[in-house]
Amino acid sequence: MLKNAKAGSIVLPKLGDMRENIQSKIQAIAEAKYPGSVEIQQKYAKQYRTSINGVMSD
Protein backbone atom coordinates (compact mmCIF):
# COMPACT_ATOMS: atom_id res chain seq x y z
CA MET A 1 0.00 0.00 0.00
CA LEU A 2 1.38 3.41 -0.97
CA LYS A 3 1.22 6.43 1.28
CA ASN A 4 1.33 10.02 0.16
CA ALA A 5 3.97 12.03 1.98
CA LYS A 6 4.32 15.78 2.04
CA ALA A 7 7.56 17.60 2.64
CA GLY A 8 7.55 19.84 5.66
CA SER A 9 10.55 21.86 4.57
CA ILE A 10 13.07 22.25 1.81
CA VAL A 11 16.79 22.24 2.58
CA LEU A 12 19.04 24.41 0.43
CA PRO A 13 22.84 24.51 0.55
CA LYS A 14 24.56 27.63 1.84
CA LEU A 15 25.64 29.12 -1.47
CA GLY A 16 27.95 31.65 0.17
CA ASP A 17 30.01 28.84 1.68
CA MET A 18 30.07 27.00 -1.64
CA ARG A 19 31.25 30.12 -3.48
CA GLU A 20 34.03 30.70 -0.93
CA ASN A 21 35.16 27.08 -1.22
CA ILE A 22 35.32 27.23 -5.03
CA GLN A 23 37.11 30.59 -4.91
CA SER A 24 39.73 29.14 -2.56
CA LYS A 25 40.34 26.22 -4.90
CA ILE A 26 40.70 28.50 -7.91
CA GLN A 27 43.16 30.69 -5.99
CA ALA A 28 45.20 27.64 -4.97
CA ILE A 29 45.42 26.51 -8.60
CA ALA A 30 46.47 30.00 -9.71
CA GLU A 31 49.17 30.15 -7.01
CA ALA A 32 50.51 26.74 -8.05
CA LYS A 33 50.58 27.66 -11.75
CA TYR A 34 52.05 31.14 -11.31
CA PRO A 35 54.00 31.32 -8.04
CA GLY A 36 55.21 34.77 -7.08
CA SER A 37 53.08 36.72 -9.56
CA VAL A 38 49.93 38.02 -7.89
CA GLU A 39 48.83 39.98 -10.97
CA ILE A 40 48.96 36.91 -13.24
CA GLN A 41 47.25 34.81 -10.55
CA GLN A 42 44.39 37.30 -10.42
CA LYS A 43 44.04 37.34 -14.21
CA TYR A 44 44.05 33.53 -14.31
CA ALA A 45 41.42 33.31 -11.55
CA LYS A 46 39.17 35.83 -13.31
CA GLN A 47 39.50 34.01 -16.63
CA TYR A 48 38.78 30.68 -14.94
CA ARG A 49 35.65 32.00 -13.19
CA THR A 50 34.41 33.44 -16.47
CA SER A 51 35.10 30.19 -18.32
CA ILE A 52 32.80 28.21 -16.05
CA ASN A 53 29.76 29.78 -17.66
CA GLY A 54 30.07 33.10 -15.86
CA VAL A 55 28.80 31.53 -12.66
CA MET A 56 31.39 33.28 -10.54
CA SER A 57 32.49 36.12 -12.80
CA ASP A 58 33.21 39.48 -11.24
PDB file of N, CA and C in Angstrom:
ATOM      1  N   MET A   1       0.839  -1.177   0.000  1.00  0.00           N
ATOM      2  CA  MET A   1       0.000   0.000   0.000  1.00  0.00           C
ATOM      3  C   MET A   1       0.889   1.248   0.000  1.00  0.00           C
ATOM      4  N   LEU A   2       0.607   2.186  -0.880  1.00  0.00           N
ATOM      5  CA  LEU A   2       1.382   3.413  -0.972  1.00  0.00           C
ATOM      6  C   LEU A   2       0.787   4.494  -0.099  1.00  0.00           C
ATOM      7  N   LYS A   3       1.668   5.301   0.482  1.00  0.00           N
ATOM      8  CA  LYS A   3       1.218   6.429   1.281  1.00  0.00           C
ATOM      9  C   LYS A   3       1.726   7.712   0.635  1.00  0.00           C
ATOM     10  N   ASN A   4       0.912   8.717   0.662  1.00  0.00           N
ATOM     11  CA  ASN A   4       1.333  10.023   0.163  1.00  0.00           C
ATOM     12  C   ASN A   4       2.043  10.764   1.287  1.00  0.00           C
ATOM     13  N   ALA A   5       3.216  11.269   0.986  1.00  0.00           N
ATOM     14  CA  ALA A   5       3.968  12.027   1.981  1.00  0.00           C
ATOM     15  C   ALA A   5       4.150  13.451   1.487  1.00  0.00           C
ATOM     16  N   LYS A   6       4.127  14.374   2.386  1.00  0.00           N
ATOM     17  CA  LYS A   6       4.322  15.779   2.035  1.00  0.00           C
ATOM     18  C   LYS A   6       5.555  16.288   2.770  1.00  0.00           C
ATOM     19  N   ALA A   7       6.351  17.041   2.037  1.00  0.00           N
ATOM     20  CA  ALA A   7       7.563  17.600   2.636  1.00  0.00           C
ATOM     21  C   ALA A   7       7.187  18.750   3.555  1.00  0.00           C
ATOM     22  N   GLY A   8       7.800  18.766   4.707  1.00  0.00           N
ATOM     23  CA  GLY A   8       7.551  19.839   5.655  1.00  0.00           C
ATOM     24  C   GLY A   8       8.467  21.023   5.442  1.00  0.00           C
ATOM     25  N   SER A   9       9.611  20.772   4.826  1.00  0.00           N
ATOM     26  CA  SER A   9      10.546  21.861   4.575  1.00  0.00           C
ATOM     27  C   SER A   9      11.490  21.464   3.439  1.00  0.00           C
ATOM     28  N   ILE A  10      12.107  22.458   2.882  1.00  0.00           N
ATOM     29  CA  ILE A  10      13.073  22.247   1.811  1.00  0.00           C
ATOM     30  C   ILE A  10      14.436  22.709   2.323  1.00  0.00           C
ATOM     31  N   VAL A  11      15.446  21.891   2.121  1.00  0.00           N
ATOM     32  CA  VAL A  11      16.791  22.237   2.576  1.00  0.00           C
ATOM     33  C   VAL A  11      17.611  22.683   1.380  1.00  0.00           C
ATOM     34  N   LEU A  12      18.192  23.869   1.482  1.00  0.00           N
ATOM     35  CA  LEU A  12      19.043  24.410   0.428  1.00  0.00           C
ATOM     36  C   LEU A  12      20.467  24.560   0.946  1.00  0.00           C
ATOM     37  N   PRO A  13      21.457  24.335   0.098  1.00  0.00           N
ATOM     38  CA  PRO A  13      22.845  24.513   0.548  1.00  0.00           C
ATOM     39  C   PRO A  13      23.149  25.989   0.770  1.00  0.00           C
ATOM     40  N   LYS A  14      24.120  26.253   1.612  1.00  0.00           N
ATOM     41  CA  LYS A  14      24.562  27.625   1.837  1.00  0.00           C
ATOM     42  C   LYS A  14      25.454  28.016   0.659  1.00  0.00           C
ATOM     43  N   LEU A  15      24.926  28.786  -0.253  1.00  0.00           N
ATOM     44  CA  LEU A  15      25.644  29.119  -1.469  1.00  0.00           C
ATOM     45  C   LEU A  15      26.859  30.002  -1.199  1.00  0.00           C
ATOM     46  N   GLY A  16      26.808  30.817  -0.174  1.00  0.00           N
ATOM     47  CA  GLY A  16      27.954  31.653   0.172  1.00  0.00           C
ATOM     48  C   GLY A  16      29.158  30.799   0.530  1.00  0.00           C
ATOM     49  N   ASP A  17      28.933  29.742   1.300  1.00  0.00           N
ATOM     50  CA  ASP A  17      30.013  28.840   1.675  1.00  0.00           C
ATOM     51  C   ASP A  17      30.554  28.119   0.455  1.00  0.00           C
ATOM     52  N   MET A  18      29.663  27.714  -0.436  1.00  0.00           N
ATOM     53  CA  MET A  18      30.073  27.004  -1.644  1.00  0.00           C
ATOM     54  C   MET A  18      30.927  27.916  -2.526  1.00  0.00           C
ATOM     55  N   ARG A  19      30.509  29.157  -2.662  1.00  0.00           N
ATOM     56  CA  ARG A  19      31.248  30.123  -3.476  1.00  0.00           C
ATOM     57  C   ARG A  19      32.651  30.343  -2.898  1.00  0.00           C
ATOM     58  N   GLU A  20      32.737  30.489  -1.592  1.00  0.00           N
ATOM     59  CA  GLU A  20      34.030  30.704  -0.935  1.00  0.00           C
ATOM     60  C   GLU A  20      34.940  29.495  -1.134  1.00  0.00           C
ATOM     61  N   ASN A  21      34.385  28.307  -1.045  1.00  0.00           N
ATOM     62  CA  ASN A  21      35.163  27.078  -1.221  1.00  0.00           C
ATOM     63  C   ASN A  21      35.721  27.000  -2.644  1.00  0.00           C
ATOM     64  N   ILE A  22      34.880  27.275  -3.628  1.00  0.00           N
ATOM     65  CA  ILE A  22      35.321  27.233  -5.025  1.00  0.00           C
ATOM     66  C   ILE A  22      36.371  28.303  -5.280  1.00  0.00           C
ATOM     67  N   GLN A  23      36.149  29.501  -4.737  1.00  0.00           N
ATOM     68  CA  GLN A  23      37.111  30.591  -4.914  1.00  0.00           C
ATOM     69  C   GLN A  23      38.467  30.209  -4.326  1.00  0.00           C
ATOM     70  N   SER A  24      38.482  29.573  -3.183  1.00  0.00           N
ATOM     71  CA  SER A  24      39.733  29.145  -2.555  1.00  0.00           C
ATOM     72  C   SER A  24      40.470  28.128  -3.424  1.00  0.00           C
ATOM     73  N   LYS A  25      39.722  27.219  -4.024  1.00  0.00           N
ATOM     74  CA  LYS A  25      40.338  26.218  -4.897  1.00  0.00           C
ATOM     75  C   LYS A  25      40.923  26.861  -6.147  1.00  0.00           C
ATOM     76  N   ILE A  26      40.191  27.807  -6.727  1.00  0.00           N
ATOM     77  CA  ILE A  26      40.698  28.504  -7.909  1.00  0.00           C
ATOM     78  C   ILE A  26      41.966  29.269  -7.558  1.00  0.00           C
ATOM     79  N   GLN A  27      41.972  29.927  -6.419  1.00  0.00           N
ATOM     80  CA  GLN A  27      43.156  30.686  -5.990  1.00  0.00           C
ATOM     81  C   GLN A  27      44.344  29.764  -5.771  1.00  0.00           C
ATOM     82  N   ALA A  28      44.118  28.602  -5.191  1.00  0.00           N
ATOM     83  CA  ALA A  28      45.202  27.644  -4.966  1.00  0.00           C
ATOM     84  C   ALA A  28      45.782  27.158  -6.290  1.00  0.00           C
ATOM     85  N   ILE A  29      44.933  26.926  -7.281  1.00  0.00           N
ATOM     86  CA  ILE A  29      45.416  26.506  -8.604  1.00  0.00           C
ATOM     87  C   ILE A  29      46.244  27.623  -9.227  1.00  0.00           C
ATOM     88  N   ALA A  30      45.744  28.851  -9.140  1.00  0.00           N
ATOM     89  CA  ALA A  30      46.466  29.998  -9.706  1.00  0.00           C
ATOM     90  C   ALA A  30      47.834  30.171  -9.044  1.00  0.00           C
ATOM     91  N   GLU A  31      47.901  30.019  -7.732  1.00  0.00           N
ATOM     92  CA  GLU A  31      49.170  30.155  -7.012  1.00  0.00           C
ATOM     93  C   GLU A  31      50.147  29.054  -7.408  1.00  0.00           C
ATOM     94  N   ALA A  32      49.632  27.855  -7.648  1.00  0.00           N
ATOM     95  CA  ALA A  32      50.506  26.741  -8.046  1.00  0.00           C
ATOM     96  C   ALA A  32      51.027  26.940  -9.472  1.00  0.00           C
ATOM     97  N   LYS A  33      50.181  27.461 -10.359  1.00  0.00           N
ATOM     98  CA  LYS A  33      50.581  27.657 -11.754  1.00  0.00           C
ATOM     99  C   LYS A  33      51.525  28.838 -11.921  1.00  0.00           C
ATOM    100  N   TYR A  34      51.283  29.898 -11.159  1.00  0.00           N
ATOM    101  CA  TYR A  34      52.050  31.141 -11.314  1.00  0.00           C
ATOM    102  C   TYR A  34      52.563  31.641  -9.960  1.00  0.00           C
ATOM    103  N   PRO A  35      53.487  30.899  -9.358  1.00  0.00           N
ATOM    104  CA  PRO A  35      54.002  31.316  -8.041  1.00  0.00           C
ATOM    105  C   PRO A  35      54.741  32.654  -8.131  1.00  0.00           C
ATOM    106  N   GLY A  36      54.492  33.511  -7.171  1.00  0.00           N
ATOM    107  CA  GLY A  36      55.215  34.773  -7.084  1.00  0.00           C
ATOM    108  C   GLY A  36      54.670  35.902  -7.935  1.00  0.00           C
ATOM    109  N   SER A  37      53.634  35.673  -8.713  1.00  0.00           N
ATOM    110  CA  SER A  37      53.082  36.722  -9.563  1.00  0.00           C
ATOM    111  C   SER A  37      51.593  36.906  -9.262  1.00  0.00           C
ATOM    112  N   VAL A  38      51.306  37.801  -8.331  1.00  0.00           N
ATOM    113  CA  VAL A  38      49.928  38.017  -7.894  1.00  0.00           C
ATOM    114  C   VAL A  38      49.062  38.530  -9.041  1.00  0.00           C
ATOM    115  N   GLU A  39      49.598  39.411  -9.864  1.00  0.00           N
ATOM    116  CA  GLU A  39      48.825  39.977 -10.971  1.00  0.00           C
ATOM    117  C   GLU A  39      48.389  38.884 -11.953  1.00  0.00           C
ATOM    118  N   ILE A  40      49.299  37.995 -12.316  1.00  0.00           N
ATOM    119  CA  ILE A  40      48.961  36.910 -13.239  1.00  0.00           C
ATOM    120  C   ILE A  40      47.998  35.934 -12.569  1.00  0.00           C
ATOM    121  N   GLN A  41      48.170  35.684 -11.284  1.00  0.00           N
ATOM    122  CA  GLN A  41      47.255  34.807 -10.550  1.00  0.00           C
ATOM    123  C   GLN A  41      45.833  35.369 -10.596  1.00  0.00           C
ATOM    124  N   GLN A  42      45.704  36.674 -10.398  1.00  0.00           N
ATOM    125  CA  GLN A  42      44.388  37.302 -10.416  1.00  0.00           C
ATOM    126  C   GLN A  42      43.756  37.219 -11.803  1.00  0.00           C
ATOM    127  N   LYS A  43      44.557  37.436 -12.842  1.00  0.00           N
ATOM    128  CA  LYS A  43      44.042  37.339 -14.207  1.00  0.00           C
ATOM    129  C   LYS A  43      43.598  35.912 -14.514  1.00  0.00           C
ATOM    130  N   TYR A  44      44.400  34.940 -14.088  1.00  0.00           N
ATOM    131  CA  TYR A  44      44.052  33.532 -14.309  1.00  0.00           C
ATOM    132  C   TYR A  44      42.737  33.199 -13.598  1.00  0.00           C
ATOM    133  N   ALA A  45      42.621  33.616 -12.334  1.00  0.00           N
ATOM    134  CA  ALA A  45      41.422  33.314 -11.549  1.00  0.00           C
ATOM    135  C   ALA A  45      40.183  33.934 -12.191  1.00  0.00           C
ATOM    136  N   LYS A  46      40.305  35.165 -12.666  1.00  0.00           N
ATOM    137  CA  LYS A  46      39.173  35.830 -13.306  1.00  0.00           C
ATOM    138  C   LYS A  46      38.783  35.105 -14.590  1.00  0.00           C
ATOM    139  N   GLN A  47      39.771  34.736 -15.393  1.00  0.00           N
ATOM    140  CA  GLN A  47      39.497  34.008 -16.635  1.00  0.00           C
ATOM    141  C   GLN A  47      38.830  32.668 -16.324  1.00  0.00           C
ATOM    142  N   TYR A  48      39.325  31.985 -15.308  1.00  0.00           N
ATOM    143  CA  TYR A  48      38.776  30.681 -14.941  1.00  0.00           C
ATOM    144  C   TYR A  48      37.320  30.815 -14.507  1.00  0.00           C
ATOM    145  N   ARG A  49      37.034  31.797 -13.654  1.00  0.00           N
ATOM    146  CA  ARG A  49      35.653  32.003 -13.188  1.00  0.00           C
ATOM    147  C   ARG A  49      34.731  32.299 -14.364  1.00  0.00           C
ATOM    148  N   THR A  50      35.213  33.107 -15.302  1.00  0.00           N
ATOM    149  CA  THR A  50      34.408  33.445 -16.470  1.00  0.00           C
ATOM    150  C   THR A  50      34.190  32.221 -17.351  1.00  0.00           C
ATOM    151  N   SER A  51      35.194  31.359 -17.439  1.00  0.00           N
ATOM    152  CA  SER A  51      35.104  30.190 -18.317  1.00  0.00           C
ATOM    153  C   SER A  51      34.109  29.147 -17.820  1.00  0.00           C
ATOM    154  N   ILE A  52      33.776  29.181 -16.542  1.00  0.00           N
ATOM    155  CA  ILE A  52      32.796  28.205 -16.045  1.00  0.00           C
ATOM    156  C   ILE A  52      31.407  28.835 -16.114  1.00  0.00           C
ATOM    157  N   ASN A  53      31.075  29.261 -17.322  1.00  0.00           N
ATOM    158  CA  ASN A  53      29.757  29.782 -17.659  1.00  0.00           C
ATOM    159  C   ASN A  53      29.383  31.070 -16.929  1.00  0.00           C
ATOM    160  N   GLY A  54      30.371  31.832 -16.505  1.00  0.00           N
ATOM    161  CA  GLY A  54      30.067  33.097 -15.860  1.00  0.00           C
ATOM    162  C   GLY A  54      29.436  32.961 -14.497  1.00  0.00           C
ATOM    163  N   VAL A  55      29.443  31.776 -13.948  1.00  0.00           N
ATOM    164  CA  VAL A  55      28.796  31.530 -12.657  1.00  0.00           C
ATOM    165  C   VAL A  55      29.401  32.386 -11.556  1.00  0.00           C
ATOM    166  N   MET A  56      30.719  32.534 -11.598  1.00  0.00           N
ATOM    167  CA  MET A  56      31.387  33.279 -10.542  1.00  0.00           C
ATOM    168  C   MET A  56      32.115  34.501 -11.078  1.00  0.00           C
ATOM    169  N   SER A  57      31.762  34.996 -12.229  1.00  0.00           N
ATOM    170  CA  SER A  57      32.487  36.123 -12.798  1.00  0.00           C
ATOM    171  C   SER A  57      32.279  37.373 -11.962  1.00  0.00           C
ATOM    172  N   ASP A  58      33.256  38.235 -12.016  1.00  0.00           N
ATOM    173  CA  ASP A  58      33.206  39.481 -11.241  1.00  0.00           C
ATOM    174  C   ASP A  58      32.361  40.525 -11.923  1.00  0.00           C
TER     175      ASP A  58
END
